[in-house]
Protein backbone atom coordinates (compact mmCIF):
# COMPACT_ATOMS: atom_id res chain seq x y z
CA MET A 1 -0.07 -0.06 0.08
CA ALA A 2 2.77 2.45 0.98
CA ALA A 3 4.67 1.24 -2.10
CA CYS A 4 1.54 2.30 -4.39
CA SER A 5 1.21 5.63 -2.53
CA GLU A 6 5.16 6.45 -3.51
CA THR A 7 4.83 5.41 -7.01
CA LEU A 8 1.64 7.42 -7.20
CA ALA A 9 3.42 10.43 -5.65
CA LEU A 10 6.24 10.09 -7.97
CA SER A 11 4.01 9.93 -11.10
CA LYS A 12 2.52 13.40 -9.98
CA TRP A 13 5.86 15.03 -9.57
CA GLY A 14 6.75 13.55 -12.86
CA VAL A 15 3.74 14.97 -14.46
CA ILE A 16 4.30 18.27 -12.76
CA SER A 17 8.05 18.23 -13.89
CA ILE A 18 7.27 17.55 -17.70
CA THR A 19 4.52 20.24 -17.50
CA LEU A 20 7.09 22.71 -15.89
CA ALA A 21 9.61 21.65 -18.58
CA THR A 22 7.16 22.08 -21.40
CA LEU A 23 6.16 25.47 -20.08
CA SER A 24 9.78 26.57 -19.98
CA VAL A 25 10.21 25.26 -23.62
CA SER A 26 7.30 27.11 -24.63
CA THR A 27 8.11 30.39 -22.64
CA ALA A 28 11.87 30.16 -24.29
CA ILE A 29 10.42 29.60 -27.68
CA SER A 30 7.86 32.53 -27.22
CA VAL A 31 10.64 34.82 -25.80
CA TYR A 32 13.00 33.68 -28.91
CA LEU A 33 10.04 34.62 -31.34
CA TRP A 34 9.28 37.80 -29.50
CA THR A 35 13.04 38.59 -29.83
CA LYS A 36 13.19 37.67 -33.21
CA LYS A 37 9.79 39.64 -34.01
CA SER A 38 11.19 42.80 -32.02
CA ARG A 39 14.23 42.74 -34.05
CA GLN A 40 12.82 42.45 -37.13
CA VAL A 41 10.40 45.44 -36.15
CA GLU A 42 13.33 47.30 -35.04
CA LEU A 43 14.94 46.45 -38.32
CA GLU A 44 11.89 47.66 -40.25
CA LEU A 45 11.76 50.85 -38.36
CA LYS A 46 15.25 51.66 -39.21
CA GLN A 47 14.64 51.00 -42.67
CA LEU A 48 11.57 53.14 -42.69
CA GLU A 49 13.65 55.84 -40.88
CA LEU A 50 16.26 55.74 -43.56
CA SER A 51 13.70 55.66 -46.33
CA LEU A 52 12.11 58.77 -44.77
CA LYS A 53 15.34 60.53 -44.55
CA ALA A 54 16.18 59.71 -48.14
CA SER A 55 12.92 61.10 -49.12
CA ILE A 56 13.25 64.20 -46.96
CA ASP A 57 16.78 64.64 -48.36
CA LYS A 58 15.24 64.23 -52.13
CA CYS A 59 12.53 66.70 -51.40
CA ALA A 60 14.87 69.42 -49.92
CA ALA A 61 17.24 68.96 -52.96
CA GLU A 62 14.44 69.27 -55.52
CA ARG A 63 13.05 72.17 -53.41
CA GLN A 64 16.75 73.87 -53.74
CA GLY A 65 16.82 72.92 -57.31
CA ARG A 66 13.31 74.32 -58.05
CA ILE A 67 14.24 77.55 -56.11
CA ARG A 68 17.26 77.90 -58.20
CA ALA A 69 15.41 77.29 -61.29
CA GLN A 70 12.82 79.79 -60.42
CA GLN A 71 15.61 82.38 -59.31
CA ASP A 72 17.26 81.63 -62.77
CA LEU A 73 13.86 82.34 -64.74
CA ARG A 74 13.15 85.26 -62.83
CA LYS A 75 16.28 86.71 -63.51
CA ALA A 76 16.29 86.00 -67.02
CA LEU A 77 12.45 87.51 -67.30
CA LEU A 78 13.62 90.57 -65.79
CA ASN A 79 16.76 90.86 -68.04
CA SER A 80 14.58 90.58 -71.09
CA LYS A 81 12.11 92.76 -69.78
CA SER A 82 15.05 95.28 -68.82
CA GLU A 83 16.22 95.06 -72.31
CA GLU A 84 12.90 95.96 -73.73
CA LEU A 85 11.90 98.58 -71.40
CA GLY A 86 15.08 99.85 -70.01
CA LEU A 87 14.04 98.86 -66.28
CA ALA A 88 12.98 95.94 -64.39
CA SER A 89 9.39 95.02 -64.16
CA TYR A 90 7.07 92.41 -62.44
CA PRO A 91 4.15 90.34 -63.42
CA MET A 92 1.31 92.44 -61.78
CA SER A 93 -2.25 93.20 -63.35
CA PRO A 94 -5.42 94.69 -61.86
CA ILE A 95 -7.54 91.76 -60.08
CA ALA A 96 -10.63 94.22 -59.64
CA THR A 97 -12.19 97.48 -60.32
CA ILE A 98 -13.93 100.04 -58.44
CA GLN A 99 -17.51 101.00 -59.21
CA SER A 100 -17.79 104.45 -57.11
CA CYS A 101 -20.10 107.44 -56.78
CA PHE A 102 -17.17 109.75 -57.57
CA SER A 103 -17.99 109.99 -61.44
CA THR A 104 -14.90 112.39 -61.96
CA ARG A 105 -11.79 113.36 -60.17
CA ASN A 106 -13.35 116.34 -58.74
CA GLY A 107 -14.95 115.63 -55.35
CA THR A 108 -13.02 112.46 -54.69
CA PRO A 109 -11.69 113.02 -51.03
CA ARG A 110 -7.95 113.59 -50.84
CA GLN A 111 -7.91 111.14 -47.88
CA PRO A 112 -10.28 107.98 -47.05
CA LEU A 113 -12.73 108.06 -44.44
CA LEU A 114 -13.34 111.76 -44.80
CA VAL A 115 -16.84 111.26 -46.36
CA PRO A 116 -18.51 108.40 -44.41
CA LEU A 117 -21.32 108.25 -46.86
CA ALA A 118 -18.91 107.64 -50.05
CA ARG A 119 -19.62 104.26 -51.15
CA ALA A 120 -18.33 101.97 -53.65
CA THR A 121 -18.34 98.58 -55.02
CA LEU A 122 -15.12 96.35 -55.59
CA ILE A 123 -15.91 94.00 -58.34
CA PHE A 124 -13.32 91.20 -58.61
CA ASP A 125 -12.15 89.38 -61.99
CA SER A 126 -13.11 85.97 -60.77
CA ALA A 127 -10.59 84.56 -63.02
CA GLN A 128 -7.91 85.96 -61.11
CA ALA A 129 -9.55 86.06 -57.59
CA PRO A 130 -12.51 83.49 -57.32
CA PRO A 131 -15.00 84.42 -54.63
CA ALA A 132 -13.58 81.62 -52.26
CA ALA A 133 -10.45 84.33 -51.91
CA LEU A 134 -13.11 86.79 -50.26
CA GLU A 135 -14.03 84.37 -47.39
CA GLY A 136 -13.30 85.83 -44.05
CA LEU A 137 -13.04 89.34 -45.07
CA GLU A 138 -16.28 90.21 -43.74
CA GLU A 139 -15.05 89.58 -40.40
CA TYR A 140 -12.98 92.46 -40.55
CA SER A 141 -14.14 96.06 -40.10
CA HIS A 142 -11.75 97.94 -42.57
CA CYS A 143 -9.35 96.84 -45.31
CA TRP A 144 -6.50 98.39 -47.09
CA ILE A 145 -6.79 98.79 -50.74
CA LEU A 146 -3.81 98.91 -53.23
CA TYR A 147 -4.84 100.70 -56.67
CA ILE A 148 -3.41 102.42 -59.78
CA PHE A 149 -3.84 106.08 -60.45
CA HIS A 150 -4.70 105.06 -63.66
CA LEU A 151 -5.89 108.28 -65.36
CA ASN A 152 -3.34 110.37 -64.20
CA THR A 153 -2.46 112.87 -67.09
CA ASP A 154 0.97 112.44 -67.15
CA LEU A 155 0.98 108.84 -66.83
CA GLU A 156 2.35 108.43 -70.37
CA LYS A 157 5.71 110.14 -69.20
CA LEU A 158 6.30 106.69 -66.78
CA TRP A 159 6.55 104.32 -69.83
CA LYS A 160 9.63 106.32 -70.79
CA HIS A 161 13.10 105.52 -69.63
CA PRO A 162 13.64 107.27 -66.18
CA SER A 163 16.17 109.62 -67.88
CA ARG A 164 13.45 110.87 -70.32
CA SER A 165 10.47 110.71 -68.07
CA LYS A 166 10.64 114.19 -66.62
CA PHE A 167 9.94 113.03 -63.20
CA LYS A 168 9.42 116.06 -60.85
CA ALA A 169 10.69 115.43 -57.43
CA LYS A 170 8.36 118.06 -55.61
CA VAL A 171 4.74 118.81 -56.01
CA ARG A 172 2.32 121.20 -54.64
CA VAL A 173 0.57 120.52 -51.42
CA PRO A 174 -3.18 121.69 -50.93
CA ARG A 175 -2.80 122.18 -47.20
CA LEU A 176 0.38 124.43 -47.65
CA LYS A 177 -1.45 126.60 -50.46
CA GLY A 178 0.55 125.35 -52.97
CA GLU A 179 4.10 125.28 -51.41
CA LYS A 180 5.93 122.36 -52.63
CA LYS A 181 7.42 119.20 -50.92
CA GLY A 182 9.09 116.25 -51.75
CA VAL A 183 6.62 113.70 -53.53
CA PHE A 184 7.72 110.86 -50.84
CA SER A 185 6.62 113.23 -48.15
CA THR A 186 2.90 113.38 -49.59
CA ARG A 187 0.24 111.13 -50.96
CA SER A 188 0.12 112.89 -54.56
CA PRO A 189 -1.05 110.53 -57.33
CA HIS A 190 2.22 111.65 -59.12
CA ARG A 191 4.58 109.50 -58.36
CA PRO A 192 7.46 107.10 -60.32
CA CYS A 193 5.30 104.21 -59.73
CA PRO A 194 1.64 105.48 -60.04
CA ILE A 195 0.40 103.22 -56.85
CA GLY A 196 -2.16 104.40 -54.49
CA LEU A 197 -2.99 102.92 -50.88
CA THR A 198 -6.07 103.74 -48.91
CA VAL A 199 -8.17 102.42 -46.32
CA ALA A 200 -11.99 101.76 -46.62
CA LYS A 201 -14.80 100.32 -44.22
CA VAL A 202 -16.31 96.72 -45.26
CA GLU A 203 -19.90 96.72 -45.62
CA ALA A 204 -20.65 93.33 -46.92
CA VAL A 205 -19.10 90.76 -49.18
CA LYS A 206 -21.23 88.98 -51.79
CA GLY A 207 -20.05 86.74 -54.18
CA ASN A 208 -17.16 88.49 -56.16
CA MET A 209 -18.16 91.79 -54.62
CA VAL A 210 -16.98 93.91 -51.68
CA GLN A 211 -19.41 96.77 -50.45
CA LEU A 212 -17.23 99.57 -49.13
CA SER A 213 -17.96 103.08 -47.58
CA GLY A 214 -15.63 105.98 -46.61
CA VAL A 215 -13.71 105.62 -50.06
CA ASP A 216 -11.65 108.37 -51.81
CA LEU A 217 -11.39 106.20 -55.11
CA VAL A 218 -12.98 107.43 -58.45
CA ASP A 219 -15.01 105.15 -60.48
CA GLY A 220 -13.36 102.65 -62.80
CA THR A 221 -10.01 102.51 -60.65
CA PRO A 222 -8.12 99.73 -61.07
CA VAL A 223 -7.29 97.49 -58.11
CA LEU A 224 -4.13 95.62 -57.53
CA ASP A 225 -4.72 93.89 -54.01
CA ILE A 226 -6.65 94.24 -51.05
CA LYS A 227 -5.32 93.32 -47.27
CA PRO A 228 -7.50 93.16 -43.86
CA TYR A 229 -6.75 96.18 -41.66
CA LEU A 230 -5.25 94.90 -38.42
CA PRO A 231 -5.29 97.48 -35.55
CA TYR A 232 -2.83 96.12 -33.49
CA CYS A 233 -0.09 96.68 -35.97
CA ASP A 234 -1.50 99.22 -38.36
CA SER A 235 -2.45 101.76 -35.78
CA ILE A 236 0.93 103.20 -34.55
CA GLN A 237 0.54 104.78 -31.10
CA GLY A 238 2.56 107.92 -31.03
CA ALA A 239 3.21 108.42 -34.63
CA LYS A 240 4.32 111.75 -35.85
CA VAL A 241 3.42 113.98 -38.66
CA PRO A 242 4.51 117.41 -39.88
CA LYS A 243 2.32 120.44 -38.64
CA TRP A 244 1.14 121.14 -42.08
CA VAL A 245 -0.63 117.68 -42.20
CA GLU A 246 -2.52 118.31 -39.15
CA ALA A 247 -3.93 121.62 -40.52
CA ASP A 248 -7.33 120.09 -41.79
CA HIS A 249 -9.06 123.23 -41.00
CA LEU A 250 -7.53 124.93 -44.00
CA LEU A 251 -9.67 122.67 -46.58
CA ALA A 252 -12.77 122.59 -44.16
CA VAL A 253 -15.41 125.09 -45.54
CA THR A 254 -17.40 127.06 -43.08
CA SER A 255 -20.86 125.73 -44.22
CA VAL A 256 -22.82 124.01 -47.29
CA ASN A 257 -26.16 125.44 -48.26
CA PHE A 258 -28.85 124.35 -50.49
CA ALA A 259 -30.87 126.49 -52.94
CA ASN A 260 -34.67 126.64 -52.56
CA GLY A 261 -36.16 124.25 -54.79
CA PHE A 262 -32.88 121.90 -54.93
CA SER A 263 -34.49 118.88 -53.18
CA THR A 264 -37.27 119.00 -55.74
CA SER A 265 -34.77 118.97 -58.56
CA LEU A 266 -32.69 116.27 -57.27
CA ALA A 267 -36.26 114.24 -56.67
CA ASP A 268 -36.81 114.78 -60.43
CA CYS A 269 -33.31 113.73 -61.62
CA TRP A 270 -33.35 110.45 -59.17
CA THR A 271 -35.49 108.48 -61.55
CA ALA A 272 -32.25 108.47 -63.86
CA ILE A 273 -30.18 106.88 -61.62
CA GLU A 274 -32.16 105.35 -58.75
CA LYS A 275 -31.73 101.55 -60.26
CA LYS A 276 -27.97 101.82 -60.33
CA SER A 277 -27.41 104.14 -57.29
CA LEU A 278 -25.35 103.09 -54.40
CA TYR A 279 -27.72 105.11 -52.34
CA GLY A 280 -31.49 104.41 -51.13
CA SER A 281 -33.12 107.85 -51.38
CA PRO A 282 -32.64 111.34 -52.73
CA ASN A 283 -32.33 112.70 -49.16
CA GLU A 284 -29.42 110.33 -48.36
CA PHE A 285 -27.82 111.33 -51.78
CA LYS A 286 -28.23 114.86 -50.82
CA THR A 287 -26.47 114.15 -47.61
CA LEU A 288 -23.59 112.50 -49.55
CA ILE A 289 -23.31 116.03 -51.51
CA LYS A 290 -23.40 117.75 -48.32
CA GLN A 291 -20.30 115.78 -46.77
CA VAL A 292 -18.48 115.97 -50.12
CA LEU A 293 -18.53 119.76 -50.23
CA SER A 294 -17.83 120.10 -46.74
CA TRP A 295 -14.10 120.02 -47.80
CA ASP A 296 -12.89 122.49 -50.34
CA ILE A 297 -12.45 120.40 -53.04
CA ARG A 298 -10.91 122.84 -55.42
CA SER A 299 -7.63 122.62 -56.95
CA VAL A 300 -4.70 124.58 -55.51
CA SER A 301 -4.61 126.40 -59.07
CA GLN A 302 -8.27 127.19 -58.61
CA ARG A 303 -7.89 128.55 -55.13
CA ASN A 304 -4.83 130.74 -56.05
CA ALA A 305 -6.54 132.11 -59.44
CA LEU A 306 -9.50 133.45 -57.42
CA GLN A 307 -7.22 134.91 -54.72
CA ASP A 308 -4.86 136.41 -57.46
CA SER A 309 -7.45 137.74 -59.98
CA PRO A 310 -10.76 139.56 -59.55
CA LEU A 311 -11.99 138.75 -62.82
CA ILE A 312 -11.13 135.52 -64.86
CA LYS A 313 -13.07 134.74 -68.26
CA GLN A 314 -12.25 132.60 -70.85
CA ASN A 315 -14.36 130.85 -73.76
CA GLY A 316 -17.44 132.09 -72.05
CA ARG A 317 -18.10 128.69 -69.91
CA THR A 318 -18.31 127.75 -66.29
CA VAL A 319 -15.57 125.72 -64.47
CA ASN A 320 -16.15 122.20 -64.80
CA ASP A 321 -14.15 120.66 -61.92
CA GLY A 322 -14.44 117.14 -63.14
CA ASP A 323 -12.26 118.29 -66.00
CA ILE A 324 -9.72 119.93 -63.44
CA SER A 325 -8.13 117.40 -60.89
CA ASN A 326 -8.25 118.75 -57.47
CA HIS A 327 -5.34 116.17 -56.75
CA GLN A 328 -3.07 116.99 -59.65
CA GLU A 329 -0.76 119.40 -57.82
CA GLU A 330 1.63 119.87 -60.69
CA GLU A 331 -1.11 120.38 -63.31
CA THR A 332 -2.38 123.63 -64.89
CA ASP A 333 -5.76 124.64 -65.23
CA GLU A 334 -6.64 123.60 -68.71
CA ASN A 335 -10.18 124.46 -68.58
CA SER A 336 -11.45 127.84 -68.62
CA MET A 337 -13.57 129.70 -66.05
CA ASP A 338 -16.41 132.23 -66.21
CA LEU A 339 -16.22 134.72 -63.35
CA SER A 340 -18.09 137.95 -62.82
CA SER A 341 -16.34 138.10 -59.52
CA ASN A 342 -14.54 135.76 -56.85
CA ASP A 343 -17.77 134.90 -55.18
CA ASP A 344 -19.48 133.62 -58.38
CA THR A 345 -17.34 131.05 -60.04
CA ILE A 346 -19.52 128.19 -60.59
CA TYR A 347 -18.04 124.76 -60.04
CA HIS A 348 -19.70 121.43 -61.13
CA LEU A 349 -19.28 118.30 -58.91
CA ILE A 350 -20.29 115.12 -60.70
CA LEU A 351 -21.69 112.06 -58.61
CA GLU A 352 -23.16 108.97 -60.08
CA GLY A 353 -23.91 110.83 -63.20
CA LEU A 354 -25.51 113.96 -61.66
CA ASP A 355 -24.14 117.35 -62.15
CA VAL A 356 -24.31 119.39 -59.19
CA ALA A 357 -23.55 123.29 -59.61
CA TYR A 358 -22.23 125.26 -56.81
CA HIS A 359 -19.91 128.12 -55.51
CA ILE A 360 -17.77 129.21 -52.53
CA ASP A 361 -17.89 132.76 -51.26
CA ARG A 362 -14.87 134.71 -49.46
CA GLU A 363 -15.95 133.25 -46.22
CA SER A 364 -15.71 129.51 -47.21
CA ASN A 365 -19.46 129.33 -47.58
CA VAL A 366 -20.81 127.00 -50.05
CA HIS A 367 -23.81 127.45 -52.09
CA VAL A 368 -25.26 124.65 -53.89
CA HIS A 369 -27.67 125.93 -56.81
CA THR A 370 -29.00 123.01 -59.12
CA VAL A 371 -28.56 119.57 -60.19
CA THR A 372 -28.99 118.14 -63.43
CA SER A 373 -28.36 114.94 -65.24
CA SER A 374 -24.98 114.63 -66.61
CA ILE A 375 -23.62 112.14 -69.32
CA ILE A 376 -19.84 111.50 -68.85
CA SER A 377 -17.87 110.46 -71.93
CA ASP A 378 -14.35 110.61 -70.25
CA PRO A 379 -14.32 110.26 -66.62
CA GLN A 380 -10.94 111.36 -64.72
CA SER A 381 -9.41 110.13 -61.98
CA GLY A 382 -8.49 111.71 -58.72
CA GLU A 383 -7.35 110.07 -55.60
CA THR A 384 -5.62 110.79 -52.50
CA SER A 385 -3.12 113.85 -52.12
């Protein structure tokens, strides 16, 4: 009996020993297989890392090669253009056009935001700037606009070689009553590169159009680019300007007065522009007229002529400010004036095709007389000064 018990015990221990041995072998095999697999994974990872590094190096080399090729191409194009034009040029063209309430140069404010009701629509060429490019612009209150002084009367000079362009380094400044300053210390449109910079309020963005207010842009102005206005970096605290720049009161008028019956005449003319107007009613349009004429929009030459001569009369016609730029400081007034006295000079302001006749007395009071429909065959440009 005891012998049987010992045999049974030995058998159990044998089974346990065999089991443990089997487990040890299995564990050893598992460890071996895991180690082998780990080494394979590690090897694969190293191979992938090497492959990724090779791809990155290849991309970097291709990028450097592409950059060098672009630089060579740009240099070749510039050299080609330089030979043709005598100067370097870059691939820029207008991407949008301004549809403005200002039909002519005259009356177009000298600076942005001076006339809050001055409205315009910026219409983009969808081929160059699809509507998707405007997404998010409506979240800003204002935007910068880069544009071309496309109707400057001296624009053709800029196509000539700089040595023959007769570029004038100094221009007459309205705030200084015609005194000259270096062109780069002013915002005159007469510049070596006729590019203007202005800011406007963004009213709405609809498709390929941006509705603006507070503009100082004439109808038909080509636009090169727009950028959002950023107060945290575009508004510089403590910025300094010359004293003459701060003297805005020199261009402000004393009052704007409308003749009896003007509102009736405006209502009669309103039917001609109502459908295409940027304004909702004759009263709103009248407010626009008042805001525009609240600043002396005459050219330096016109103001000086009235001060220097008590009587000027040529060709028996009235002054047409639409033909005389209030921003072209270096131009002479080629258009005739019909004056019986300094106080009786009649000027014409063209807004949305309506001709507003007015005069300014010696005390800088503006008297608005009539408004009639006007057909404009050759609108003039006039931007900031």
